[in-house]
C-alpha atoms as a PDB file:
ATOM      1  CA  MET A   1    -163.219  36.105  54.579  1.00  0.00           C
ATOM      2  CA  LYS A   2    -161.249  32.839  54.843  1.00  0.00           C
ATOM      3  CA  LYS A   3    -160.223  33.656  58.420  1.00  0.00           C
ATOM      4  CA  LEU A   4    -163.824  34.511  59.327  1.00  0.00           C
ATOM      5  CA  PHE A   5    -165.024  31.224  57.832  1.00  0.00           C
ATOM      6  CA  SER A   6    -162.377  29.367  59.840  1.00  0.00           C
ATOM      7  CA  ILE A   7    -163.532  31.047  63.051  1.00  0.00           C
ATOM      8  CA  ILE A   8    -167.174  30.204  62.326  1.00  0.00           C
ATOM      9  CA  SER A   9    -166.238  26.609  61.478  1.00  0.00           C
ATOM     10  CA  ASP A  10    -164.249  26.255  64.705  1.00  0.00           C
ATOM     11  CA  ASN A  11    -167.141  27.642  66.756  1.00  0.00           C
ATOM     12  CA  ILE A  12    -169.594  25.216  65.141  1.00  0.00           C
ATOM     13  CA  GLN A  13    -167.318  22.231  65.775  1.00  0.00           C
ATOM     14  CA  THR A  14    -166.720  23.331  69.355  1.00  0.00           C
ATOM     15  CA  SER A  15    -170.452  23.621  69.976  1.00  0.00           C
ATOM     16  CA  PHE A  16    -170.865  20.050  68.722  1.00  0.00           C
ATOM     17  CA  GLY A  17    -168.349  18.660  71.195  1.00  0.00           C
ATOM     18  CA  THR A  18    -164.977  18.966  69.477  1.00  0.00           C
ATOM     19  CA  PRO A  19    -162.307  20.877  71.453  1.00  0.00           C
ATOM     20  CA  ILE A  20    -160.787  22.550  68.384  1.00  0.00           C
ATOM     21  CA  LYS A  21    -158.331  24.803  70.181  1.00  0.00           C
ATOM     22  CA  LEU A  22    -157.046  21.891  72.239  1.00  0.00           C
ATOM     23  CA  LEU A  23    -156.518  19.813  69.094  1.00  0.00           C
ATOM     24  CA  GLN A  24    -154.643  22.708  67.516  1.00  0.00           C
ATOM     25  CA  LEU A  25    -152.440  23.055  70.602  1.00  0.00           C
ATOM     26  CA  LEU A  26    -151.656  19.342  70.640  1.00  0.00           C
ATOM     27  CA  ASN A  27    -150.817  19.446  66.950  1.00  0.00           C
ATOM     28  CA  GLU A  28    -148.604  22.544  67.144  1.00  0.00           C
ATOM     29  CA  ARG A  29    -146.871  21.949  70.468  1.00  0.00           C
ATOM     30  CA  SER A  30    -145.818  18.334  70.781  1.00  0.00           C
ATOM     31  CA  ASP A  31    -143.779  19.396  73.824  1.00  0.00           C
ATOM     32  CA  ILE A  32    -146.999  19.652  75.800  1.00  0.00           C
ATOM     33  CA  ARG A  33    -146.334  15.975  76.482  1.00  0.00           C
ATOM     34  CA  VAL A  34    -144.003  15.154  79.373  1.00  0.00           C
ATOM     35  CA  GLU A  35    -142.481  11.865  80.433  1.00  0.00           C
ATOM     36  CA  ILE A  36    -143.388  10.582  83.896  1.00  0.00           C
ATOM     37  CA  ASN A  37    -140.781   7.860  84.086  1.00  0.00           C
ATOM     38  CA  GLU A  38    -139.249   6.989  87.433  1.00  0.00           C
ATOM     39  CA  PRO A  39    -135.617   8.171  87.744  1.00  0.00           C
ATOM     40  CA  ASN A  40    -132.754   5.685  87.521  1.00  0.00           C
ATOM     41  CA  ARG A  41    -132.243   3.698  90.716  1.00  0.00           C
ATOM     42  CA  VAL A  42    -129.169   5.235  92.280  1.00  0.00           C
ATOM     43  CA  ILE A  43    -127.938   5.370  95.869  1.00  0.00           C
ATOM     44  CA  ALA A  44    -129.056   8.958  96.519  1.00  0.00           C
ATOM     45  CA  ALA A  45    -132.016   8.967  98.896  1.00  0.00           C
ATOM     46  CA  ASP A  46    -133.314  12.196  97.401  1.00  0.00           C
ATOM     47  CA  SER A  47    -133.440  10.612  93.946  1.00  0.00           C
ATOM     48  CA  VAL A  48    -136.630   8.800  94.976  1.00  0.00           C
ATOM     49  CA  VAL A  49    -139.617  10.849  93.827  1.00  0.00           C
ATOM     50  CA  SER A  50    -141.501  12.199  96.856  1.00  0.00           C
ATOM     51  CA  TRP A  51    -144.874  10.934  95.700  1.00  0.00           C
ATOM     52  CA  HIS A  52    -146.042  10.759  99.320  1.00  0.00           C
ATOM     53  CA  ARG A  53    -145.953  14.574  99.331  1.00  0.00           C
ATOM     54  CA  TRP A  54    -147.819  15.057  96.057  1.00  0.00           C
ATOM     55  CA  GLY A  55    -151.022  16.147  97.775  1.00  0.00           C
ATOM     56  CA  GLU A  56    -149.318  18.864  99.790  1.00  0.00           C
ATOM     57  CA  SER A  57    -149.661  22.513  98.824  1.00  0.00           C
ATOM     58  CA  SER A  58    -146.502  24.231  97.632  1.00  0.00           C
ATOM     59  CA  PRO A  59    -144.895  26.420 100.324  1.00  0.00           C
ATOM     60  CA  PHE A  60    -143.384  28.593  97.571  1.00  0.00           C
ATOM     61  CA  LYS A  61    -146.634  29.805  96.012  1.00  0.00           C
ATOM     62  CA  TRP A  62    -148.894  32.634  97.071  1.00  0.00           C
ATOM     63  CA  PRO A  63    -151.512  32.586  98.318  1.00  0.00           C
ATOM     64  CA  ARG A  64    -150.499  29.627 100.473  1.00  0.00           C
ATOM     65  CA  ARG A  65    -153.230  26.999 100.503  1.00  0.00           C
ATOM     66  CA  SER A  66    -153.769  24.383 103.158  1.00  0.00           C
ATOM     67  CA  ASP A  67    -153.133  20.774 102.150  1.00  0.00           C
ATOM     68  CA  GLY A  68    -156.032  19.302 100.243  1.00  0.00           C
ATOM     69  CA  ARG A  69    -157.206  22.577  98.699  1.00  0.00           C
ATOM     70  CA  ILE A  70    -156.925  22.760  94.927  1.00  0.00           C
ATOM     71  CA  MET A  71    -157.780  25.453  92.388  1.00  0.00           C
ATOM     72  CA  GLY A  72    -159.548  25.008  89.099  1.00  0.00           C
ATOM     73  CA  TRP A  73    -161.593  26.686  86.376  1.00  0.00           C
ATOM     74  CA  LYS A  74    -165.166  26.089  85.251  1.00  0.00           C
ATOM     75  CA  TYR A  75    -167.975  27.676  83.222  1.00  0.00           C
ATOM     76  CA  SER A  76    -170.676  29.020  85.489  1.00  0.00           C
ATOM     77  CA  SER A  77    -173.500  31.576  85.049  1.00  0.00           C
ATOM     78  CA  GLY A  78    -172.180  32.710  81.689  1.00  0.00           C
ATOM     79  CA  TYR A  79    -168.562  33.134  82.815  1.00  0.00           C
ATOM     80  CA  TYR A  80    -165.428  31.016  82.884  1.00  0.00           C
ATOM     81  CA  CYS A  81    -164.185  31.559  86.407  1.00  0.00           C
ATOM     82  CA  SER A  82    -161.790  30.150  88.962  1.00  0.00           C
ATOM     83  CA  PHE A  83    -162.911  28.098  91.932  1.00  0.00           C
ATOM     84  CA  GLU A  84    -161.327  26.237  94.809  1.00  0.00           C
ATOM     85  CA  VAL A  85    -162.311  22.957  96.428  1.00  0.00           C
ATOM     86  CA  TYR A  86    -161.088  20.838  99.310  1.00  0.00           C
ATOM     87  CA  ARG A  87    -160.278  17.224  98.497  1.00  0.00           C
ATOM     88  CA  PRO A  88    -159.417  15.191 101.604  1.00  0.00           C
ATOM     89  CA  GLU A  89    -157.826  12.561  99.351  1.00  0.00           C
ATOM     90  CA  LEU A  90    -155.107  15.069  98.489  1.00  0.00           C
ATOM     91  CA  ALA A  91    -154.499  15.944 102.125  1.00  0.00           C
ATOM     92  CA  ASP A  92    -154.243  12.212 102.901  1.00  0.00           C
ATOM     93  CA  PHE A  93    -152.378  11.218  99.743  1.00  0.00           C
ATOM     94  CA  GLY A  94    -149.193  10.217 101.576  1.00  0.00           C
ATOM     95  CA  CYS A  95    -148.532   8.368 104.812  1.00  0.00           C
ATOM     96  CA  CYS A  96    -145.569   8.072 107.168  1.00  0.00           C
ATOM     97  CA  GLU A  97    -145.217   5.262 109.704  1.00  0.00           C
ATOM     98  CA  THR A  98    -142.442   5.568 112.295  1.00  0.00           C
ATOM     99  CA  THR A  99    -140.800   2.574 113.938  1.00  0.00           C
ATOM    100  CA  GLU A 100    -138.547   3.408 116.858  1.00  0.00           C
ATOM    101  CA  GLN A 101    -135.529   1.204 117.533  1.00  0.00           C
ATOM    102  CA  TRP A 102    -135.824  -0.636 114.219  1.00  0.00           C
ATOM    103  CA  THR A 103    -133.065  -3.152 113.559  1.00  0.00           C
ATOM    104  CA  CYS A 104    -131.491  -4.419 110.367  1.00  0.00           C
ATOM    105  CA  ASP A 105    -128.191  -5.676 109.014  1.00  0.00           C
ATOM    106  CA  ILE A 106    -125.855  -3.297 107.225  1.00  0.00           C
ATOM    107  CA  GLN A 107    -126.512  -5.191 103.969  1.00  0.00           C
ATOM    108  CA  ASN A 108    -130.170  -4.096 104.107  1.00  0.00           C
ATOM    109  CA  VAL A 109    -129.153  -0.476 103.521  1.00  0.00           C
ATOM    110  CA  ASP A 110    -129.107   0.418  99.832  1.00  0.00           C
ATOM    111  CA  GLY A 111    -128.271   4.122  99.825  1.00  0.00           C
ATOM    112  CA  VAL A 112    -127.596   7.270 101.819  1.00  0.00           C
ATOM    113  CA  LEU A 113    -128.702  10.884 101.962  1.00  0.00           C
ATOM    114  CA  HIS A 114    -125.416  12.805 102.210  1.00  0.00           C
ATOM    115  CA  SER A 115    -121.929  12.221 100.883  1.00  0.00           C
ATOM    116  CA  LYS A 116    -118.925  14.036  99.460  1.00  0.00           C
ATOM    117  CA  SER A 117    -119.403  11.799  96.418  1.00  0.00           C
ATOM    118  CA  GLU A 118    -121.994  12.512  93.728  1.00  0.00           C
ATOM    119  CA  LEU A 119    -124.464   9.884  94.783  1.00  0.00           C
ATOM    120  CA  ASP A 120    -126.555  10.080  91.629  1.00  0.00           C
ATOM    121  CA  LYS A 121    -123.630   8.656  89.661  1.00  0.00           C
ATOM    122  CA  PHE A 122    -123.666   5.284  91.428  1.00  0.00           C
ATOM    123  CA  ALA A 123    -126.088   2.368  91.329  1.00  0.00           C
ATOM    124  CA  THR A 124    -124.697   0.732  94.478  1.00  0.00           C
ATOM    125  CA  LEU A 125    -122.750   1.694  97.581  1.00  0.00           C
ATOM    126  CA  ASP A 126    -120.114  -0.855  96.543  1.00  0.00           C
ATOM    127  CA  ASP A 127    -119.596   1.046  93.284  1.00  0.00           C
ATOM    128  CA  MET A 128    -119.138   4.317  95.155  1.00  0.00           C
ATOM    129  CA  VAL A 129    -116.541   3.111  97.639  1.00  0.00           C
ATOM    130  CA  ALA A 130    -114.624   1.102  95.028  1.00  0.00           C
ATOM    131  CA  LYS A 131    -114.433   4.164  92.780  1.00  0.00           C
ATOM    132  CA  ASN A 132    -113.844   6.970  95.278  1.00  0.00           C
ATOM    133  CA  SER A 133    -112.300   5.379  98.391  1.00  0.00           C
ATOM    134  CA  PRO A 134    -110.474   2.188  97.341  1.00  0.00           C
ATOM    135  CA  GLU A 135    -107.966   2.627 100.183  1.00  0.00           C
ATOM    136  CA  MET A 136    -110.762   1.890 102.665  1.00  0.00           C
ATOM    137  CA  ILE A 137    -111.309  -1.582 101.204  1.00  0.00           C
ATOM    138  CA  ASN A 138    -107.767  -2.522 100.160  1.00  0.00           C
ATOM    139  CA  GLU A 139    -107.767  -5.153 102.904  1.00  0.00           C
ATOM    140  CA  VAL A 140    -110.875  -7.290 103.084  1.00  0.00           C
ATOM    141  CA  THR A 141    -110.389  -8.330 106.692  1.00  0.00           C
ATOM    142  CA  LYS A 142    -112.235  -8.147 109.972  1.00  0.00           C
ATOM    143  CA  ALA A 143    -109.622  -5.662 111.238  1.00  0.00           C
ATOM    144  CA  MET A 144    -110.363  -3.292 108.332  1.00  0.00           C
ATOM    145  CA  LEU A 145    -114.085  -3.770 108.893  1.00  0.00           C
ATOM    146  CA  CYS A 146    -113.704  -2.719 112.531  1.00  0.00           C
ATOM    147  CA  LYS A 147    -111.562   0.256 111.534  1.00  0.00           C
ATOM    148  CA  ASN A 148    -114.225   1.554 109.186  1.00  0.00           C
ATOM    149  CA  LEU A 149    -117.041   0.931 111.664  1.00  0.00           C
ATOM    150  CA  ALA A 150    -115.141   2.887 114.329  1.00  0.00           C
ATOM    151  CA  HIS A 151    -115.418   6.087 112.271  1.00  0.00           C
ATOM    152  CA  GLY A 152    -117.254   8.597 114.469  1.00  0.00           C
ATOM    153  CA  GLU A 153    -119.399  10.038 111.698  1.00  0.00           C
ATOM    154  CA  ILE A 154    -121.332   6.793 111.379  1.00  0.00           C
ATOM    155  CA  ARG A 155    -123.666   8.263 113.969  1.00  0.00           C
ATOM    156  CA  ILE A 156    -126.293   5.546 113.672  1.00  0.00           C
ATOM    157  CA  LEU A 157    -123.726   3.307 115.443  1.00  0.00           C
ATOM    158  CA  HIS A 158    -122.080   5.737 117.852  1.00  0.00           C
ATOM    159  CA  ASN A 159    -124.661   8.311 118.938  1.00  0.00           C
ATOM    160  CA  SER A 160    -127.994   7.333 120.445  1.00  0.00           C
ATOM    161  CA  ASP A 161    -129.212  10.950 120.215  1.00  0.00           C
ATOM    162  CA  THR A 162    -128.433  11.327 116.521  1.00  0.00           C
ATOM    163  CA  SER A 163    -130.935  12.648 114.022  1.00  0.00           C
ATOM    164  CA  ASP A 164    -129.591  10.038 111.576  1.00  0.00           C
ATOM    165  CA  HIS A 165    -132.279   7.492 110.810  1.00  0.00           C
ATOM    166  CA  PHE A 166    -133.539   5.066 108.169  1.00  0.00           C
ATOM    167  CA  ALA A 167    -136.111   5.752 105.481  1.00  0.00           C
ATOM    168  CA  ARG A 168    -138.021   3.456 103.186  1.00  0.00           C
ATOM    169  CA  TYR A 169    -140.310   4.522 100.350  1.00  0.00           C
ATOM    170  CA  GLN A 170    -142.716   1.646  99.874  1.00  0.00           C
ATOM    171  CA  TRP A 171    -143.189   2.132  96.137  1.00  0.00           C
ATOM    172  CA  ASP A 172    -139.387   2.055  95.772  1.00  0.00           C
ATOM    173  CA  GLY A 173    -138.715  -0.733  98.273  1.00  0.00           C
ATOM    174  CA  ARG A 174    -135.161   0.160  99.272  1.00  0.00           C
ATOM    175  CA  VAL A 175    -133.830   1.282 102.663  1.00  0.00           C
ATOM    176  CA  PHE A 176    -131.758   4.454 102.935  1.00  0.00           C
ATOM    177  CA  LEU A 177    -129.588   5.732 105.768  1.00  0.00           C
ATOM    178  CA  MET A 178    -130.534   9.385 106.227  1.00  0.00           C
ATOM    179  CA  ASN A 179    -127.095  10.340 107.420  1.00  0.00           C
ATOM    180  CA  GLY A 180    -125.205  13.489 108.233  1.00  0.00           C
ATOM    181  CA  GLY A 181    -121.790  12.093 107.302  1.00  0.00           C
ATOM    182  CA  GLY A 182    -119.576   9.011 107.200  1.00  0.00           C
ATOM    183  CA  SER A 183    -120.950   7.662 103.936  1.00  0.00           C
ATOM    184  CA  HIS A 184    -117.620   6.323 102.623  1.00  0.00           C
ATOM    185  CA  HIS A 185    -116.644   4.536 105.834  1.00  0.00           C
ATOM    186  CA  PHE A 186    -120.180   3.137 106.065  1.00  0.00           C
ATOM    187  CA  ALA A 187    -120.049   1.888 102.467  1.00  0.00           C
ATOM    188  CA  ALA A 188    -116.579   0.433 103.018  1.00  0.00           C
ATOM    189  CA  ALA A 189    -117.740  -1.460 106.100  1.00  0.00           C
ATOM    190  CA  ARG A 190    -120.729  -2.760 104.193  1.00  0.00           C
ATOM    191  CA  TYR A 191    -118.486  -3.821 101.281  1.00  0.00           C
ATOM    192  CA  ILE A 192    -116.095  -5.759 103.512  1.00  0.00           C
ATOM    193  CA  ALA A 193    -118.813  -7.295 105.698  1.00  0.00           C
ATOM    194  CA  SER A 194    -120.507  -8.814 102.671  1.00  0.00           C
ATOM    195  CA  ARG A 195    -117.270 -10.426 101.520  1.00  0.00           C
ATOM    196  CA  ILE A 196    -116.279 -11.946 104.842  1.00  0.00           C
ATOM    197  CA  ALA A 197    -119.887 -12.949 105.659  1.00  0.00           C
ATOM    198  CA  GLN A 198    -119.919 -10.800 108.793  1.00  0.00           C
ATOM    199  CA  GLN A 199    -123.224  -9.446 110.069  1.00  0.00           C
ATOM    200  CA  VAL A 200    -123.249  -5.847 111.275  1.00  0.00           C
ATOM    201  CA  PRO A 201    -126.466  -5.069 113.172  1.00  0.00           C
ATOM    202  CA  LEU A 202    -127.817  -1.528 113.014  1.00  0.00           C
ATOM    203  CA  LYS A 203    -130.517   0.071 115.145  1.00  0.00           C
ATOM    204  CA  GLY A 204    -132.384   3.342 114.741  1.00  0.00           C
ATOM    205  CA  LYS A 205    -135.642   5.016 113.826  1.00  0.00           C
ATOM    206  CA  LEU A 206    -137.253   3.918 110.543  1.00  0.00           C
ATOM    207  CA  CYS A 207    -139.599   6.227 108.653  1.00  0.00           C
ATOM    208  CA  THR A 208    -141.689   4.283 106.151  1.00  0.00           C
ATOM    209  CA  TYR A 209    -143.354   6.449 103.521  1.00  0.00           C
ATOM    210  CA  SER A 210    -146.215   5.193 101.408  1.00  0.00           C
ATOM    211  CA  ILE A 211    -148.977   6.327  99.080  1.00  0.00           C
ATOM    212  CA  ASN A 212    -152.525   6.020 100.363  1.00  0.00           C
ATOM    213  CA  ASP A 213    -154.051   3.622  97.860  1.00  0.00           C
ATOM    214  CA  VAL A 214    -157.565   4.425  99.107  1.00  0.00           C
ATOM    215  CA  ALA A 215    -156.975   8.124  98.376  1.00  0.00           C
ATOM    216  CA  VAL A 216    -155.637   7.233  94.919  1.00  0.00           C
ATOM    217  CA  GLY A 217    -158.718   5.138  94.240  1.00  0.00           C
ATOM    218  CA  MET A 218    -161.084   7.919  95.281  1.00  0.00           C
ATOM    219  CA  LEU A 219    -159.291  10.531  93.189  1.00  0.00           C
ATOM    220  CA  CYS A 220    -159.244   8.265  90.143  1.00  0.00           C
ATOM    221  CA  ARG A 221    -162.934   7.528  90.697  1.00  0.00           C
ATOM    222  CA  ASP A 222    -163.770  11.215  90.331  1.00  0.00           C
ATOM    223  CA  PHE A 223    -161.047  12.479  87.976  1.00  0.00           C
ATOM    224  CA  ASP A 224    -158.924  11.582  85.000  1.00  0.00           C
ATOM    225  CA  ILE A 225    -155.474  12.919  85.872  1.00  0.00           C
ATOM    226  CA  TYR A 226    -152.797  13.886  83.350  1.00  0.00           C
ATOM    227  CA  ALA A 227    -149.419  15.603  83.369  1.00  0.00           C
ATOM    228  CA  ILE A 228    -148.611  18.306  80.837  1.00  0.00           C
ATOM    229  CA  SER A 229    -145.833  20.844  80.380  1.00  0.00           C
ATOM    230  CA  ASP A 230    -145.940  23.901  82.630  1.00  0.00           C
ATOM    231  CA  GLU A 231    -144.208  26.087  80.033  1.00  0.00           C
ATOM    232  CA  ALA A 232    -145.897  29.513  80.020  1.00  0.00           C
ATOM    233  CA  GLU A 233    -147.207  29.584  76.438  1.00  0.00           C
ATOM    234  CA  ILE A 234    -148.487  26.017  76.651  1.00  0.00           C
ATOM    235  CA  SER A 235    -150.216  26.722  79.976  1.00  0.00           C
ATOM    236  CA  ASN A 236    -151.887  29.840  78.593  1.00  0.00           C
ATOM    237  CA  ARG A 237    -153.019  28.125  75.419  1.00  0.00           C
ATOM    238  CA  PHE A 238    -154.307  25.110  77.351  1.00  0.00           C
ATOM    239  CA  HIS A 239    -156.352  27.423  79.560  1.00  0.00           C
ATOM    240  CA  ASP A 240    -157.702  29.261  76.509  1.00  0.00           C
ATOM    241  CA  ALA A 241    -158.640  25.945  74.909  1.00  0.00           C
ATOM    242  CA  MET A 242    -160.469  24.790  78.030  1.00  0.00           C
ATOM    243  CA  GLU A 243    -162.277  28.140  78.311  1.00  0.00           C
ATOM    244  CA  SER A 244    -163.270  28.010  74.644  1.00  0.00           C
ATOM    245  CA  PHE A 245    -164.669  24.512  75.140  1.00  0.00           C
ATOM    246  CA  LYS A 246    -166.246  25.445  78.516  1.00  0.00           C
ATOM    247  CA  ALA A 247    -164.608  22.420  80.134  1.00  0.00           C
ATOM    248  CA  THR A 248    -163.827  22.201  83.833  1.00  0.00           C
ATOM    249  CA  TYR A 249    -160.308  21.426  85.017  1.00  0.00           C
ATOM    250  CA  LEU A 250    -158.211  21.635  88.162  1.00  0.00           C
ATOM    251  CA  LEU A 251    -154.450  21.888  88.400  1.00  0.00           C
ATOM    252  CA  HIS A 252    -151.833  20.848  90.916  1.00  0.00           C
ATOM    253  CA  ASP A 253    -148.050  20.975  91.253  1.00  0.00           C
ATOM    254  CA  MET A 254    -145.751  18.052  90.528  1.00  0.00           C
ATOM    255  CA  PRO A 255    -142.855  16.882  92.727  1.00  0.00           C
ATOM    256  CA  LYS A 256    -139.200  16.957  91.718  1.00  0.00           C
ATOM    257  CA  PRO A 257    -137.843  16.047  89.178  1.00  0.00           C
ATOM    258  CA  TYR A 258    -141.051  16.951  87.345  1.00  0.00           C
ATOM    259  CA  GLY A 259    -140.969  20.652  88.231  1.00  0.00           C
ATOM    260  CA  LYS A 260    -141.525  21.643  84.583  1.00  0.00           C
ATOM    261  CA  ALA A 261    -144.822  19.768  84.496  1.00  0.00           C
ATOM    262  CA  LYS A 262    -148.173  20.174  86.203  1.00  0.00           C
ATOM    263  CA  ALA A 263    -151.025  17.827  86.963  1.00  0.00           C
ATOM    264  CA  ILE A 264    -154.391  18.394  85.297  1.00  0.00           C
ATOM    265  CA  LEU A 265    -157.471  16.884  86.941  1.00  0.00           C
ATOM    266  CA  LEU A 266    -160.542  16.465  84.746  1.00  0.00           C
ATOM    267  CA  PRO A 267    -163.807  15.691  86.597  1.00  0.00           C
ATOM    268  CA  LYS A 268    -165.617  12.650  85.289  1.00  0.00           C
ATOM    269  CA  ASN A 269    -169.010  14.219  86.016  1.00  0.00           C
ATOM    270  CA  ASP A 270    -168.424  16.993  83.449  1.00  0.00           C
ATOM    271  CA  ALA A 271    -169.253  15.852  79.915  1.00  0.00           C
ATOM    272  CA  ARG A 272    -166.892  18.331  78.280  1.00  0.00           C
ATOM    273  CA  SER A 273    -164.034  17.421  80.600  1.00  0.00           C
ATOM    274  CA  VAL A 274    -164.633  13.776  79.717  1.00  0.00           C
ATOM    275  CA  ARG A 275    -164.311  14.701  76.030  1.00  0.00           C
ATOM    276  CA  VAL A 276    -161.042  16.525  76.760  1.00  0.00           C
ATOM    277  CA  SER A 277    -159.789  13.470  78.633  1.00  0.00           C
ATOM    278  CA  LYS A 278    -160.582  11.252  75.657  1.00  0.00           C
ATOM    279  CA  VAL A 279    -158.549  13.513  73.372  1.00  0.00           C
ATOM    280  CA  LEU A 280    -155.576  13.652  75.752  1.00  0.00           C
ATOM    281  CA  ARG A 281    -155.597   9.884  76.142  1.00  0.00           C
ATOM    282  CA  GLU A 282    -155.793   9.302  72.391  1.00  0.00           C
ATOM    283  CA  VAL A 283    -152.710  11.438  71.715  1.00  0.00           C
ATOM    284  CA  GLY A 284    -150.665   9.826  74.479  1.00  0.00           C
ATOM    285  CA  VAL A 285    -150.507  12.543  77.136  1.00  0.00           C
ATOM    286  CA  ALA A 286    -149.053  11.071  80.344  1.00  0.00           C
ATOM    287  CA  ASP A 287    -151.796   9.484  82.443  1.00  0.00           C
ATOM    288  CA  LEU A 288    -150.985  10.186  86.100  1.00  0.00           C
ATOM    289  CA  GLY A 289    -153.893   8.111  87.318  1.00  0.00           C
ATOM    290  CA  HIS A 290    -152.407   5.015  85.692  1.00  0.00           C
ATOM    291  CA  HIS A 291    -148.981   5.911  87.080  1.00  0.00           C
ATOM    292  CA  PHE A 292    -150.361   6.213  90.618  1.00  0.00           C
ATOM    293  CA  ALA A 293    -152.086   2.835  90.263  1.00  0.00           C
ATOM    294  CA  ALA A 294    -148.794   1.262  89.149  1.00  0.00           C
ATOM    295  CA  LEU A 295    -146.978   2.791  92.131  1.00  0.00           C
ATOM    296  CA  CYS A 296    -149.621   1.410  94.495  1.00  0.00           C
ATOM    297  CA  ASN A 297    -149.302  -2.058  92.962  1.00  0.00           C
ATOM    298  CA  ARG A 298    -145.534  -1.919  93.331  1.00  0.00           C
ATOM    299  CA  GLN A 299    -145.767  -0.813  96.934  1.00  0.00           C
ATOM    300  CA  SER A 300    -148.173  -3.669  97.712  1.00  0.00           C
ATOM    301  CA  ARG A 301    -145.615  -6.140  96.389  1.00  0.00           C
ATOM    302  CA  ASN A 302    -142.857  -4.510  98.439  1.00  0.00           C
ATOM    303  CA  LYS A 303    -144.979  -4.634 101.617  1.00  0.00           C
ATOM    304  CA  ALA A 304    -145.301  -8.373 101.096  1.00  0.00           C
ATOM    305  CA  GLN A 305    -141.493  -8.617 101.187  1.00  0.00           C
ATOM    306  CA  PRO A 306    -140.457  -6.950 104.480  1.00  0.00           C
ATOM    307  CA  VAL A 307    -136.817  -6.030 105.031  1.00  0.00           C
END
């Protein structure tokens, strides 16, 4: 009888606009919350979160969807059923601008893509070479600078047909050498050049990645966007809670290193989804919309300070 009363009470509260099952889930599984903090700034190019690719469909999921298509669930004609929509803002979420024959000084490069060293352990290229290749900088002279620069694997200097190039992620602001090798000799040359005040000009293709702030604005106009755990039980219970409350939601993958989370998009034109959003915000679930806005603000500041 007590269980029956509880069920009836839950149904009454749900009908009056309280997402009971969602509140229970939030109370019982605090690990539904995930942290969307930016990783530590290290010299590994692949440590920068690929936010410019957030709108892309995952190539590892079936069925494969074209970019901009997103799946969700809604209550319609007496059933809670799946649906799919195309959002051009997702397809256009990231941008890439290519500059051929871009020039900079070696000191403008903050990190690299490949190395025999564990790049995620170092905050600067100076730290890496001082720790792992001190013999390359034991003489801080122009002769030692030239010796390091002569290393053939610094392809950005010695091979005009190289695939090595530069990359900049506008929300991050730093420049990375997307190299195939030669990281230690490159870092050693950079280390010495800075200490003898010697410029070392570099030239190559620059790929500048950015987030489309117009797309962010349009998405945030239509949706509240959160990140929650993608753990199986939590995902199933979240879906059950949304079905019980008859609230619409859409879901989308997250980039590395947030592979254990997923994005939840709640349409602002659905009253029940708005109520769900209010609950999630009140309990401190990560607000992706706010995070995207912060990234766009940061990238605007970085654009105002060209390399």
